[in-house]
Structures are given as C-alpha cells and as structure tokens.
Amino acid sequence: MTPRILVVDDDPHIREVICFALEKAGMTTEVASDGEAALRQFRKRPADMLVLDIGMPELDGLGVCRELRKLSDVPILFLSARDE
C-alpha cells in the first residue's frame, strides 16, 4: 500500500517542491495550506505521516501537533525556516 503524506505549509512553492520529491519516491501526497485545514483533513481521512511547517499564521505547526496527539500518534516531520 502506498503511504499517504499530508504536507502542511502556507507557502505554495514549498508544498509543491515537497510533494514533487515525495511523489517521485512513490508516495501519495495531500496538501493543506494552514493548520485548521490540516486538522479537518486528518480527521476526515488520517494520513500515514505529516510534513508540517512550524511557522504558519493562525494555528502554527506546534498547535497542530498538540491537537493531532489527542487523536493519533502519526509520525510528524517538522519544517522550519527559523534560524535559532
């Protein structure tokens, strides 16, 4: 079965690049542009893994992670543009 990866980032270019690489590796991708959309999508159809941006407006990646941990222990790979 092909793994489904939910890619969550507010930058469309970053989502595109990540999805391209994952799909080239044989995975199926879905995207969300913000934290609330990611939670809605995950509740409807849980993914096998998330690639999650930490620095999103509104509900950031850490907030999404906190909410997801109430539902699942799905693996999460964090993205960050922070330099600290």
PDB file of N, CA and C in Angstrom:
ATOM      1  N   MET A   1       0.838  -1.180   0.000  1.00  0.00           N
ATOM      2  CA  MET A   1       0.000   0.000   0.000  1.00  0.00           C
ATOM      3  C   MET A   1       0.889   1.250   0.000  1.00  0.00           C
ATOM      4  N   THR A   2       0.570   2.211  -0.813  1.00  0.00           N
ATOM      5  CA  THR A   2       1.345   3.440  -0.931  1.00  0.00           C
ATOM      6  C   THR A   2       1.080   4.364   0.253  1.00  0.00           C
ATOM      7  N   PRO A   3       2.146   4.827   0.936  1.00  0.00           N
ATOM      8  CA  PRO A   3       1.944   5.758   2.064  1.00  0.00           C
ATOM      9  C   PRO A   3       1.344   7.082   1.590  1.00  0.00           C
ATOM     10  N   ARG A   4       0.407   7.600   2.376  1.00  0.00           N
ATOM     11  CA  ARG A   4      -0.186   8.911   2.106  1.00  0.00           C
ATOM     12  C   ARG A   4       0.413   9.920   3.069  1.00  0.00           C
ATOM     13  N   ILE A   5       0.975  10.976   2.518  1.00  0.00           N
ATOM     14  CA  ILE A   5       1.639  12.006   3.314  1.00  0.00           C
ATOM     15  C   ILE A   5       0.841  13.307   3.185  1.00  0.00           C
ATOM     16  N   LEU A   6       0.517  13.905   4.327  1.00  0.00           N
ATOM     17  CA  LEU A   6      -0.146  15.208   4.339  1.00  0.00           C
ATOM     18  C   LEU A   6       0.922  16.279   4.513  1.00  0.00           C
ATOM     19  N   VAL A   7       1.049  17.144   3.511  1.00  0.00           N
ATOM     20  CA  VAL A   7       2.043  18.220   3.514  1.00  0.00           C
ATOM     21  C   VAL A   7       1.327  19.513   3.887  1.00  0.00           C
ATOM     22  N   VAL A   8       1.766  20.134   4.987  1.00  0.00           N
ATOM     23  CA  VAL A   8       1.091  21.321   5.504  1.00  0.00           C
ATOM     24  C   VAL A   8       2.082  22.475   5.558  1.00  0.00           C
ATOM     25  N   ASP A   9       1.832  23.472   4.716  1.00  0.00           N
ATOM     26  CA  ASP A   9       2.687  24.664   4.686  1.00  0.00           C
ATOM     27  C   ASP A   9       1.893  25.795   4.067  1.00  0.00           C
ATOM     28  N   ASP A  10       2.083  27.013   4.553  1.00  0.00           N
ATOM     29  CA  ASP A  10       1.359  28.150   3.996  1.00  0.00           C
ATOM     30  C   ASP A  10       1.999  28.677   2.714  1.00  0.00           C
ATOM     31  N   ASP A  11       3.172  28.208   2.356  1.00  0.00           N
ATOM     32  CA  ASP A  11       3.861  28.638   1.139  1.00  0.00           C
ATOM     33  C   ASP A  11       3.612  27.617   0.023  1.00  0.00           C
ATOM     34  N   PRO A  12       2.881  28.009  -1.025  1.00  0.00           N
ATOM     35  CA  PRO A  12       2.555  27.053  -2.092  1.00  0.00           C
ATOM     36  C   PRO A  12       3.789  26.483  -2.800  1.00  0.00           C
ATOM     37  N   HIS A  13       4.834  27.269  -2.926  1.00  0.00           N
ATOM     38  CA  HIS A  13       6.052  26.779  -3.587  1.00  0.00           C
ATOM     39  C   HIS A  13       6.704  25.659  -2.775  1.00  0.00           C
ATOM     40  N   ILE A  14       6.761  25.823  -1.485  1.00  0.00           N
ATOM     41  CA  ILE A  14       7.348  24.789  -0.624  1.00  0.00           C
ATOM     42  C   ILE A  14       6.504  23.516  -0.681  1.00  0.00           C
ATOM     43  N   ARG A  15       5.172  23.668  -0.628  1.00  0.00           N
ATOM     44  CA  ARG A  15       4.293  22.489  -0.754  1.00  0.00           C
ATOM     45  C   ARG A  15       4.566  21.761  -2.062  1.00  0.00           C
ATOM     46  N   GLU A  16       4.695  22.507  -3.131  1.00  0.00           N
ATOM     47  CA  GLU A  16       4.927  21.922  -4.460  1.00  0.00           C
ATOM     48  C   GLU A  16       6.239  21.140  -4.508  1.00  0.00           C
ATOM     49  N   VAL A  17       7.304  21.719  -3.990  1.00  0.00           N
ATOM     50  CA  VAL A  17       8.618  21.066  -4.010  1.00  0.00           C
ATOM     51  C   VAL A  17       8.606  19.786  -3.169  1.00  0.00           C
ATOM     52  N   ILE A  18       8.016  19.856  -1.984  1.00  0.00           N
ATOM     53  CA  ILE A  18       7.969  18.689  -1.112  1.00  0.00           C
ATOM     54  C   ILE A  18       7.122  17.582  -1.743  1.00  0.00           C
ATOM     55  N   CYS A  19       5.977  17.942  -2.282  1.00  0.00           N
ATOM     56  CA  CYS A  19       5.113  16.943  -2.922  1.00  0.00           C
ATOM     57  C   CYS A  19       5.806  16.302  -4.115  1.00  0.00           C
ATOM     58  N   PHE A  20       6.503  17.093  -4.899  1.00  0.00           N
ATOM     59  CA  PHE A  20       7.234  16.550  -6.053  1.00  0.00           C
ATOM     60  C   PHE A  20       8.217  15.473  -5.599  1.00  0.00           C
ATOM     61  N   ALA A  21       8.997  15.782  -4.570  1.00  0.00           N
ATOM     62  CA  ALA A  21      10.001  14.829  -4.090  1.00  0.00           C
ATOM     63  C   ALA A  21       9.348  13.571  -3.512  1.00  0.00           C
ATOM     64  N   LEU A  22       8.289  13.729  -2.744  1.00  0.00           N
ATOM     65  CA  LEU A  22       7.618  12.575  -2.143  1.00  0.00           C
ATOM     66  C   LEU A  22       6.956  11.700  -3.207  1.00  0.00           C
ATOM     67  N   GLU A  23       6.325  12.327  -4.188  1.00  0.00           N
ATOM     68  CA  GLU A  23       5.675  11.565  -5.247  1.00  0.00           C
ATOM     69  C   GLU A  23       6.697  10.845  -6.124  1.00  0.00           C
ATOM     70  N   LYS A  24       7.837  11.483  -6.338  1.00  0.00           N
ATOM     71  CA  LYS A  24       8.912  10.837  -7.098  1.00  0.00           C
ATOM     72  C   LYS A  24       9.426   9.596  -6.359  1.00  0.00           C
ATOM     73  N   ALA A  25       9.338   9.616  -5.031  1.00  0.00           N
ATOM     74  CA  ALA A  25       9.745   8.481  -4.206  1.00  0.00           C
ATOM     75  C   ALA A  25       8.632   7.432  -4.075  1.00  0.00           C
ATOM     76  N   GLY A  26       7.511   7.648  -4.763  1.00  0.00           N
ATOM     77  CA  GLY A  26       6.441   6.655  -4.792  1.00  0.00           C
ATOM     78  C   GLY A  26       5.349   6.828  -3.764  1.00  0.00           C
ATOM     79  N   MET A  27       5.294   7.979  -3.128  1.00  0.00           N
ATOM     80  CA  MET A  27       4.269   8.222  -2.107  1.00  0.00           C
ATOM     81  C   MET A  27       3.133   9.055  -2.689  1.00  0.00           C
ATOM     82  N   THR A  28       1.998   8.995  -2.041  1.00  0.00           N
ATOM     83  CA  THR A  28       0.852   9.808  -2.404  1.00  0.00           C
ATOM     84  C   THR A  28       0.820  11.001  -1.464  1.00  0.00           C
ATOM     85  N   THR A  29       0.545  12.185  -2.001  1.00  0.00           N
ATOM     86  CA  THR A  29       0.520  13.378  -1.156  1.00  0.00           C
ATOM     87  C   THR A  29      -0.845  14.049  -1.188  1.00  0.00           C
ATOM     88  N   GLU A  30      -1.144  14.693  -0.086  1.00  0.00           N
ATOM     89  CA  GLU A  30      -2.270  15.599   0.027  1.00  0.00           C
ATOM     90  C   GLU A  30      -1.711  16.867   0.635  1.00  0.00           C
ATOM     91  N   VAL A  31      -2.362  17.993   0.409  1.00  0.00           N
ATOM     92  CA  VAL A  31      -1.836  19.255   0.926  1.00  0.00           C
ATOM     93  C   VAL A  31      -2.884  20.013   1.720  1.00  0.00           C
ATOM     94  N   ALA A  32      -2.385  20.832   2.635  1.00  0.00           N
ATOM     95  CA  ALA A  32      -3.203  21.784   3.378  1.00  0.00           C
ATOM     96  C   ALA A  32      -2.381  23.057   3.508  1.00  0.00           C
ATOM     97  N   SER A  33      -3.041  24.201   3.403  1.00  0.00           N
ATOM     98  CA  SER A  33      -2.323  25.475   3.424  1.00  0.00           C
ATOM     99  C   SER A  33      -2.299  26.134   4.792  1.00  0.00           C
ATOM    100  N   ASP A  34      -2.995  25.540   5.767  1.00  0.00           N
ATOM    101  CA  ASP A  34      -2.952  26.088   7.121  1.00  0.00           C
ATOM    102  C   ASP A  34      -3.284  24.993   8.131  1.00  0.00           C
ATOM    103  N   GLY A  35      -3.087  25.301   9.389  1.00  0.00           N
ATOM    104  CA  GLY A  35      -3.265  24.323  10.444  1.00  0.00           C
ATOM    105  C   GLY A  35      -4.685  23.822  10.598  1.00  0.00           C
ATOM    106  N   GLU A  36      -5.652  24.721  10.507  1.00  0.00           N
ATOM    107  CA  GLU A  36      -7.053  24.316  10.645  1.00  0.00           C
ATOM    108  C   GLU A  36      -7.456  23.362   9.527  1.00  0.00           C
ATOM    109  N   ALA A  37      -7.036  23.672   8.300  1.00  0.00           N
ATOM    110  CA  ALA A  37      -7.346  22.788   7.163  1.00  0.00           C
ATOM    111  C   ALA A  37      -6.694  21.427   7.354  1.00  0.00           C
ATOM    112  N   ALA A  38      -5.480  21.400   7.883  1.00  0.00           N
ATOM    113  CA  ALA A  38      -4.780  20.141   8.122  1.00  0.00           C
ATOM    114  C   ALA A  38      -5.547  19.276   9.119  1.00  0.00           C
ATOM    115  N   LEU A  39      -6.021  19.876  10.192  1.00  0.00           N
ATOM    116  CA  LEU A  39      -6.781  19.121  11.190  1.00  0.00           C
ATOM    117  C   LEU A  39      -8.085  18.590  10.610  1.00  0.00           C
ATOM    118  N   ARG A  40      -8.779  19.402   9.818  1.00  0.00           N
ATOM    119  CA  ARG A  40     -10.022  18.943   9.183  1.00  0.00           C
ATOM    120  C   ARG A  40      -9.750  17.747   8.275  1.00  0.00           C
ATOM    121  N   GLN A  41      -8.713  17.872   7.441  1.00  0.00           N
ATOM    122  CA  GLN A  41      -8.381  16.785   6.517  1.00  0.00           C
ATOM    123  C   GLN A  41      -7.995  15.523   7.274  1.00  0.00           C
ATOM    124  N   PHE A  42      -7.190  15.662   8.306  1.00  0.00           N
ATOM    125  CA  PHE A  42      -6.734  14.497   9.052  1.00  0.00           C
ATOM    126  C   PHE A  42      -7.904  13.805   9.743  1.00  0.00           C
ATOM    127  N   ARG A  43      -8.839  14.575  10.262  1.00  0.00           N
ATOM    128  CA  ARG A  43      -9.998  13.974  10.937  1.00  0.00           C
ATOM    129  C   ARG A  43     -10.867  13.199   9.952  1.00  0.00           C
ATOM    130  N   LYS A  44     -10.988  13.713   8.729  1.00  0.00           N
ATOM    131  CA  LYS A  44     -11.793  13.027   7.703  1.00  0.00           C
ATOM    132  C   LYS A  44     -11.106  11.778   7.193  1.00  0.00           C
ATOM    133  N   ARG A  45      -9.789  11.899   6.963  1.00  0.00           N
ATOM    134  CA  ARG A  45      -9.027  10.791   6.378  1.00  0.00           C
ATOM    135  C   ARG A  45      -7.592  10.859   6.895  1.00  0.00           C
ATOM    136  N   PRO A  46      -7.293  10.137   7.964  1.00  0.00           N
ATOM    137  CA  PRO A  46      -5.947  10.207   8.545  1.00  0.00           C
ATOM    138  C   PRO A  46      -4.857   9.810   7.547  1.00  0.00           C
ATOM    139  N   ALA A  47      -3.784  10.570   7.560  1.00  0.00           N
ATOM    140  CA  ALA A  47      -2.624  10.290   6.716  1.00  0.00           C
ATOM    141  C   ALA A  47      -1.680   9.345   7.456  1.00  0.00           C
ATOM    142  N   ASP A  48      -0.732   8.771   6.721  1.00  0.00           N
ATOM    143  CA  ASP A  48       0.264   7.891   7.320  1.00  0.00           C
ATOM    144  C   ASP A  48       1.398   8.682   7.963  1.00  0.00           C
ATOM    145  N   MET A  49       1.577   9.930   7.509  1.00  0.00           N
ATOM    146  CA  MET A  49       2.630  10.799   8.038  1.00  0.00           C
ATOM    147  C   MET A  49       2.299  12.238   7.663  1.00  0.00           C
ATOM    148  N   LEU A  50       2.816  13.196   8.443  1.00  0.00           N
ATOM    149  CA  LEU A  50       2.663  14.606   8.116  1.00  0.00           C
ATOM    150  C   LEU A  50       4.029  15.254   7.948  1.00  0.00           C
ATOM    151  N   VAL A  51       4.112  16.156   6.991  1.00  0.00           N
ATOM    152  CA  VAL A  51       5.234  17.081   6.885  1.00  0.00           C
ATOM    153  C   VAL A  51       4.611  18.421   7.242  1.00  0.00           C
ATOM    154  N   LEU A  52       5.056  19.000   8.350  1.00  0.00           N
ATOM    155  CA  LEU A  52       4.340  20.105   8.975  1.00  0.00           C
ATOM    156  C   LEU A  52       5.242  21.303   9.207  1.00  0.00           C
ATOM    157  N   ASP A  53       4.856  22.442   8.642  1.00  0.00           N
ATOM    158  CA  ASP A  53       5.577  23.699   8.848  1.00  0.00           C
ATOM    159  C   ASP A  53       5.294  24.203  10.261  1.00  0.00           C
ATOM    160  N   ILE A  54       6.329  24.619  10.953  1.00  0.00           N
ATOM    161  CA  ILE A  54       6.146  25.147  12.304  1.00  0.00           C
ATOM    162  C   ILE A  54       5.583  26.563  12.256  1.00  0.00           C
ATOM    163  N   GLY A  55       6.114  27.408  11.363  1.00  0.00           N
ATOM    164  CA  GLY A  55       5.780  28.826  11.372  1.00  0.00           C
ATOM    165  C   GLY A  55       4.663  29.226  10.439  1.00  0.00           C
ATOM    166  N   MET A  56       3.435  28.820  10.755  1.00  0.00           N
ATOM    167  CA  MET A  56       2.280  29.233   9.957  1.00  0.00           C
ATOM    168  C   MET A  56       1.464  30.239  10.751  1.00  0.00           C
ATOM    169  N   PRO A  57       0.769  31.136  10.047  1.00  0.00           N
ATOM    170  CA  PRO A  57      -0.099  32.083  10.760  1.00  0.00           C
ATOM    171  C   PRO A  57      -1.309  31.349  11.346  1.00  0.00           C
ATOM    172  N   GLU A  58      -2.006  32.007  12.232  1.00  0.00           N
ATOM    173  CA  GLU A  58      -3.171  31.441  12.909  1.00  0.00           C
ATOM    174  C   GLU A  58      -2.739  30.259  13.776  1.00  0.00           C
ATOM    175  N   LEU A  59      -3.056  29.052  13.362  1.00  0.00           N
ATOM    176  CA  LEU A  59      -2.684  27.854  14.116  1.00  0.00           C
ATOM    177  C   LEU A  59      -1.355  27.333  13.570  1.00  0.00           C
ATOM    178  N   ASP A  60      -0.288  27.487  14.348  1.00  0.00           N
ATOM    179  CA  ASP A  60       1.035  27.074  13.864  1.00  0.00           C
ATOM    180  C   ASP A  60       1.220  25.562  13.962  1.00  0.00           C
ATOM    181  N   GLY A  61       2.353  25.088  13.470  1.00  0.00           N
ATOM    182  CA  GLY A  61       2.625  23.662  13.435  1.00  0.00           C
ATOM    183  C   GLY A  61       2.650  22.998  14.796  1.00  0.00           C
ATOM    184  N   LEU A  62       3.126  23.710  15.804  1.00  0.00           N
ATOM    185  CA  LEU A  62       3.148  23.135  17.148  1.00  0.00           C
ATOM    186  C   LEU A  62       1.729  22.955  17.692  1.00  0.00           C
ATOM    187  N   GLY A  63       0.863  23.908  17.392  1.00  0.00           N
ATOM    188  CA  GLY A  63      -0.544  23.788  17.789  1.00  0.00           C
ATOM    189  C   GLY A  63      -1.231  22.628  17.072  1.00  0.00           C
ATOM    190  N   VAL A  64      -0.923  22.463  15.804  1.00  0.00           N
ATOM    191  CA  VAL A  64      -1.471  21.331  15.045  1.00  0.00           C
ATOM    192  C   VAL A  64      -0.996  20.027  15.670  1.00  0.00           C
ATOM    193  N   CYS A  65       0.275  19.962  15.998  1.00  0.00           N
ATOM    194  CA  CYS A  65       0.842  18.764  16.610  1.00  0.00           C
ATOM    195  C   CYS A  65       0.141  18.441  17.929  1.00  0.00           C
ATOM    196  N   ARG A  66      -0.084  19.443  18.756  1.00  0.00           N
ATOM    197  CA  ARG A  66      -0.762  19.219  20.039  1.00  0.00           C
ATOM    198  C   ARG A  66      -2.148  18.611  19.833  1.00  0.00           C
ATOM    199  N   GLU A  67      -2.881  19.159  18.850  1.00  0.00           N
ATOM    200  CA  GLU A  67      -4.223  18.649  18.575  1.00  0.00           C
ATOM    201  C   GLU A  67      -4.178  17.238  17.993  1.00  0.00           C
ATOM    202  N   LEU A  68      -3.226  16.991  17.098  1.00  0.00           N
ATOM    203  CA  LEU A  68      -3.118  15.662  16.497  1.00  0.00           C
ATOM    204  C   LEU A  68      -2.764  14.602  17.521  1.00  0.00           C
ATOM    205  N   ARG A  69      -1.955  14.959  18.502  1.00  0.00           N
ATOM    206  CA  ARG A  69      -1.549  13.996  19.515  1.00  0.00           C
ATOM    207  C   ARG A  69      -2.719  13.553  20.391  1.00  0.00           C
ATOM    208  N   LYS A  70      -3.799  14.321  20.401  1.00  0.00           N
ATOM    209  CA  LYS A  70      -5.004  13.908  21.108  1.00  0.00           C
ATOM    210  C   LYS A  70      -5.732  12.804  20.344  1.00  0.00           C
ATOM    211  N   LEU A  71      -5.471  12.733  19.018  1.00  0.00           N
ATOM    212  CA  LEU A  71      -6.166  11.789  18.142  1.00  0.00           C
ATOM    213  C   LEU A  71      -5.313  10.612  17.702  1.00  0.00           C
ATOM    214  N   SER A  72      -4.004  10.841  17.580  1.00  0.00           N
ATOM    215  CA  SER A  72      -3.174   9.871  16.872  1.00  0.00           C
ATOM    216  C   SER A  72      -1.705  10.006  17.270  1.00  0.00           C
ATOM    217  N   ASP A  73      -0.964   8.957  16.996  1.00  0.00           N
ATOM    218  CA  ASP A  73       0.491   9.021  17.160  1.00  0.00           C
ATOM    219  C   ASP A  73       1.176   8.985  15.793  1.00  0.00           C
ATOM    220  N   VAL A  74       0.513   9.547  14.793  1.00  0.00           N
ATOM    221  CA  VAL A  74       1.043   9.612  13.430  1.00  0.00           C
ATOM    222  C   VAL A  74       2.434  10.257  13.441  1.00  0.00           C
ATOM    223  N   PRO A  75       3.381   9.732  12.650  1.00  0.00           N
ATOM    224  CA  PRO A  75       4.692  10.387  12.563  1.00  0.00           C
ATOM    225  C   PRO A  75       4.577  11.786  11.954  1.00  0.00           C
ATOM    226  N   ILE A  76       5.335  12.726  12.524  1.00  0.00           N
ATOM    227  CA  ILE A  76       5.318  14.115  12.040  1.00  0.00           C
ATOM    228  C   ILE A  76       6.752  14.546  11.800  1.00  0.00           C
ATOM    229  N   LEU A  77       7.003  15.070  10.614  1.00  0.00           N
ATOM    230  CA  LEU A  77       8.284  15.663  10.267  1.00  0.00           C
ATOM    231  C   LEU A  77       8.068  17.175  10.233  1.00  0.00           C
ATOM    232  N   PHE A  78       8.788  17.912  11.087  1.00  0.00           N
ATOM    233  CA  PHE A  78       8.620  19.358  11.157  1.00  0.00           C
ATOM    234  C   PHE A  78       9.532  20.064  10.177  1.00  0.00           C
ATOM    235  N   LEU A  79       8.995  21.127   9.568  1.00  0.00           N
ATOM    236  CA  LEU A  79       9.777  22.043   8.731  1.00  0.00           C
ATOM    237  C   LEU A  79       9.905  23.350   9.486  1.00  0.00           C
ATOM    238  N   SER A  80      11.048  24.002   9.319  1.00  0.00           N
ATOM    239  CA  SER A  80      11.211  25.288   9.971  1.00  0.00           C
ATOM    240  C   SER A  80      12.154  26.169   9.158  1.00  0.00           C
ATOM    241  N   ALA A  81      11.814  27.435   9.063  1.00  0.00           N
ATOM    242  CA  ALA A  81      12.695  28.407   8.443  1.00  0.00           C
ATOM    243  C   ALA A  81      13.401  29.233   9.519  1.00  0.00           C
ATOM    244  N   ARG A  82      13.204  28.872  10.759  1.00  0.00           N
ATOM    245  CA  ARG A  82      13.826  29.597  11.869  1.00  0.00           C
ATOM    246  C   ARG A  82      15.336  29.381  11.855  1.00  0.00           C
ATOM    247  N   ASP A  83      16.041  30.416  12.262  1.00  0.00           N
ATOM    248  CA  ASP A  83      17.491  30.296  12.300  1.00  0.00           C
ATOM    249  C   ASP A  83      18.018  30.144  13.723  1.00  0.00           C
ATOM    250  N   GLU A  84      17.125  29.981  14.688  1.00  0.00           N
ATOM    251  CA  GLU A  84      17.529  29.810  16.088  1.00  0.00           C
ATOM    252  C   GLU A  84      17.395  28.380  16.527  1.00  0.00           C
TER     253      GLU A  84
END
